[in-house]
């Protein structure tokens, strides 16, 4: 048994599941709920983005999954040298990895925006100043855009990763 590959596969799958599930929950349920609940939702997001460590746990899972996946691809492709990369499986995993890599970059942007929003939220006492409000809206827009694209890229990545062995290119 190849313990390295099995360990990497476990890290890749479990990290990817956590990342995927958290991204789906945030985008489809938490964010709309926060928007619909006004000040209470903003208080919730202030805590979630600032003190809970949730977004950082997602980022750690995403990075671990991406690194393990890249390492697995490197092993399976014999250091990016083999004909396997041009096979249907290699191509499917490569496309999934490409979408996953872009999702990771956007996830980092979302994570930084969430952290900045939490930090700004902690500074606001009472009603935000016009400058704070503008900065908050800018961060929220950046977070929403990054989360949207991250979510859909993760769906594409999961599709290609799950079906790579069965696709024909």
Protein backbone atom coordinates (compact mmCIF):
# COMPACT_ATOMS: atom_id res chain seq x y z
CA UNK A 1 0.00 0.00 0.00
CA UNK A 2 1.25 3.48 -0.87
CA UNK A 3 0.72 5.33 2.39
CA UNK A 4 1.79 8.70 0.99
CA UNK A 5 -0.79 8.61 -1.80
CA UNK A 6 -3.52 7.38 0.53
CA UNK A 7 -2.72 10.10 3.07
CA UNK A 8 -2.67 12.77 0.35
CA UNK A 9 -5.94 11.46 -1.08
CA UNK A 10 -7.53 11.60 2.39
CA UNK A 11 -6.32 15.17 2.97
CA UNK A 12 -7.46 16.20 -0.51
CA UNK A 13 -10.92 14.68 -0.21
CA UNK A 14 -11.66 15.66 3.41
CA UNK A 15 -10.24 19.17 2.99
CA UNK A 16 -12.14 19.57 -0.28
CA UNK A 17 -15.37 18.36 1.30
CA UNK A 18 -15.05 20.85 4.15
CA UNK A 19 -14.15 23.69 1.78
CA UNK A 20 -16.94 22.82 -0.65
CA UNK A 21 -19.57 22.37 2.06
CA UNK A 22 -18.62 25.55 3.90
CA UNK A 23 -18.60 27.57 0.67
CA UNK A 24 -22.01 26.22 -0.36
CA UNK A 25 -23.51 26.90 3.08
CA UNK A 26 -22.05 30.42 3.23
CA UNK A 27 -23.11 31.39 -0.29
CA UNK A 28 -26.55 29.81 -0.48
CA UNK A 29 -27.74 30.08 3.16
CA UNK A 30 -25.68 32.19 5.58
CA UNK A 31 -25.11 35.24 3.38
CA UNK A 32 -28.78 35.58 2.29
CA UNK A 33 -29.89 35.07 5.91
CA UNK A 34 -27.52 37.79 7.10
CA UNK A 35 -28.81 40.15 4.42
CA UNK A 36 -32.42 39.44 5.40
CA UNK A 37 -31.93 39.97 9.14
CA UNK A 38 -30.45 43.48 9.14
CA UNK A 39 -28.59 44.50 12.28
CA UNK A 40 -28.83 41.06 13.88
CA UNK A 41 -27.26 39.55 10.76
CA UNK A 42 -24.52 42.17 10.79
CA UNK A 43 -23.73 41.33 14.42
CA UNK A 44 -23.57 37.66 13.53
CA UNK A 45 -21.21 38.34 10.60
CA UNK A 46 -19.08 40.63 12.77
CA UNK A 47 -18.47 37.69 15.10
CA UNK A 48 -18.19 35.06 12.35
CA UNK A 49 -15.72 37.16 10.36
CA UNK A 50 -13.80 38.51 13.31
CA UNK A 51 -13.52 36.08 16.20
CA UNK A 52 -14.88 32.66 15.32
CA UNK A 53 -12.02 31.47 13.13
CA UNK A 54 -14.50 29.97 10.67
CA UNK A 55 -13.15 31.68 7.54
CA UNK A 56 -9.59 30.80 8.51
CA UNK A 57 -10.57 27.15 9.00
CA UNK A 58 -12.05 27.15 5.49
CA UNK A 59 -8.88 28.69 4.11
CA UNK A 60 -6.67 26.11 5.85
CA UNK A 61 -8.82 23.28 4.48
CA UNK A 62 -8.70 24.80 0.99
CA UNK A 63 -4.93 25.17 1.02
CA UNK A 64 -4.41 21.66 2.39
CA UNK A 65 -6.76 20.22 -0.22
CA UNK A 66 -5.10 22.14 -3.06
CA UNK A 67 -1.56 21.19 -2.02
CA UNK A 68 -2.47 17.53 -1.55
CA UNK A 69 -4.28 17.52 -4.91
CA UNK A 70 -1.34 19.11 -6.71
CA UNK A 71 1.03 16.60 -5.11
CA UNK A 72 -1.21 13.71 -6.18
CA UNK A 73 -1.34 15.06 -9.72
CA UNK A 74 2.45 15.39 -9.71
CA UNK A 75 2.81 11.77 -8.52
CA UNK A 76 0.27 10.38 -11.01
CA UNK A 77 1.83 12.31 -13.90
CA UNK A 78 5.37 11.24 -12.98
CA UNK A 79 6.45 14.82 -12.31
CA UNK A 80 4.22 16.32 -15.02
CA UNK A 81 6.07 14.23 -17.61
CA UNK A 82 3.86 11.30 -18.54
CA UNK A 83 1.31 10.68 -21.26
CA UNK A 84 -1.22 10.20 -18.45
CA UNK A 85 -1.72 13.98 -18.42
CA UNK A 86 -3.21 13.74 -21.94
CA UNK A 87 -5.48 10.85 -21.02
CA UNK A 88 -9.15 11.50 -20.25
CA UNK A 89 -8.50 11.01 -16.52
CA UNK A 90 -5.45 13.26 -16.52
CA UNK A 91 -7.30 15.92 -18.48
CA UNK A 92 -10.36 15.70 -16.21
CA UNK A 93 -8.28 15.99 -13.04
CA UNK A 94 -6.28 18.81 -14.64
CA UNK A 95 -9.41 20.79 -15.50
CA UNK A 96 -10.79 20.19 -12.00
CA UNK A 97 -7.50 21.30 -10.51
CA UNK A 98 -7.46 24.43 -12.66
CA UNK A 99 -10.94 25.42 -11.47
CA UNK A 100 -9.93 24.57 -7.91
CA UNK A 101 -6.80 26.73 -8.13
CA UNK A 102 -8.80 29.74 -9.31
CA UNK A 103 -11.35 29.07 -6.56
CA UNK A 104 -8.50 29.04 -4.02
CA UNK A 105 -7.24 32.43 -5.20
CA UNK A 106 -10.73 33.89 -4.99
CA UNK A 107 -11.22 32.19 -1.63
CA UNK A 108 -8.12 33.95 -0.33
CA UNK A 109 -9.55 37.25 -1.55
CA UNK A 110 -12.88 36.48 0.17
CA UNK A 111 -11.07 35.44 3.37
CA UNK A 112 -9.09 38.67 3.50
CA UNK A 113 -12.22 40.71 2.81
CA UNK A 114 -14.14 38.91 5.55
CA UNK A 115 -11.27 39.50 7.99
CA UNK A 116 -11.13 43.19 7.05
CA UNK A 117 -14.90 43.47 7.42
CA UNK A 118 -14.72 41.88 10.88
CA UNK A 119 -11.89 44.19 11.90
CA UNK A 120 -13.77 47.25 10.64
CA UNK A 121 -16.93 46.04 12.37
CA UNK A 122 -15.07 45.86 15.67
CA UNK A 123 -13.96 49.49 15.23
CA UNK A 124 -17.49 50.77 14.61
CA UNK A 125 -19.19 52.02 17.74
CA UNK A 126 -22.86 52.76 17.16
CA UNK A 127 -23.63 54.07 13.70
CA UNK A 128 -20.78 53.91 11.18
CA UNK A 129 -19.36 57.12 9.79
CA UNK A 130 -19.94 57.74 6.06
CA UNK A 131 -16.33 56.72 5.38
CA UNK A 132 -16.71 53.51 7.42
CA UNK A 133 -20.01 52.75 5.70
CA UNK A 134 -18.45 53.20 2.24
CA UNK A 135 -15.50 50.99 3.21
CA UNK A 136 -17.85 48.37 4.67
CA UNK A 137 -19.97 48.32 1.51
CA UNK A 138 -16.87 47.99 -0.66
CA UNK A 139 -15.60 45.04 1.42
CA UNK A 140 -19.01 43.39 1.40
CA UNK A 141 -19.27 43.72 -2.38
CA UNK A 142 -15.76 42.27 -2.85
CA UNK A 143 -16.57 39.39 -0.50
CA UNK A 144 -19.88 38.67 -2.24
CA UNK A 145 -18.28 38.64 -5.69
CA UNK A 146 -15.37 36.44 -4.60
CA UNK A 147 -17.71 34.04 -2.78
CA UNK A 148 -20.01 33.80 -5.79
CA UNK A 149 -17.25 32.87 -8.21
CA UNK A 150 -15.51 30.63 -5.67
CA UNK A 151 -18.74 28.70 -5.15
CA UNK A 152 -19.40 28.10 -8.84
CA UNK A 153 -15.75 27.26 -9.55
CA UNK A 154 -15.84 24.71 -6.72
CA UNK A 155 -18.94 23.15 -8.26
CA UNK A 156 -17.10 22.83 -11.58
CA UNK A 157 -13.98 21.53 -9.86
CA UNK A 158 -15.95 18.91 -7.92
CA UNK A 159 -17.73 17.85 -11.12
CA UNK A 160 -14.49 17.25 -12.99
CA UNK A 161 -12.74 15.63 -10.03
CA UNK A 162 -15.64 13.28 -9.34
CA UNK A 163 -16.07 12.24 -12.97
CA UNK A 164 -12.50 12.45 -14.28
CA UNK A 165 -12.17 8.67 -14.58
CA UNK A 166 -15.35 8.47 -16.65
CA UNK A 167 -15.04 11.47 -18.96
CA UNK A 168 -13.96 11.10 -22.57
CA UNK A 169 -12.07 13.97 -24.18
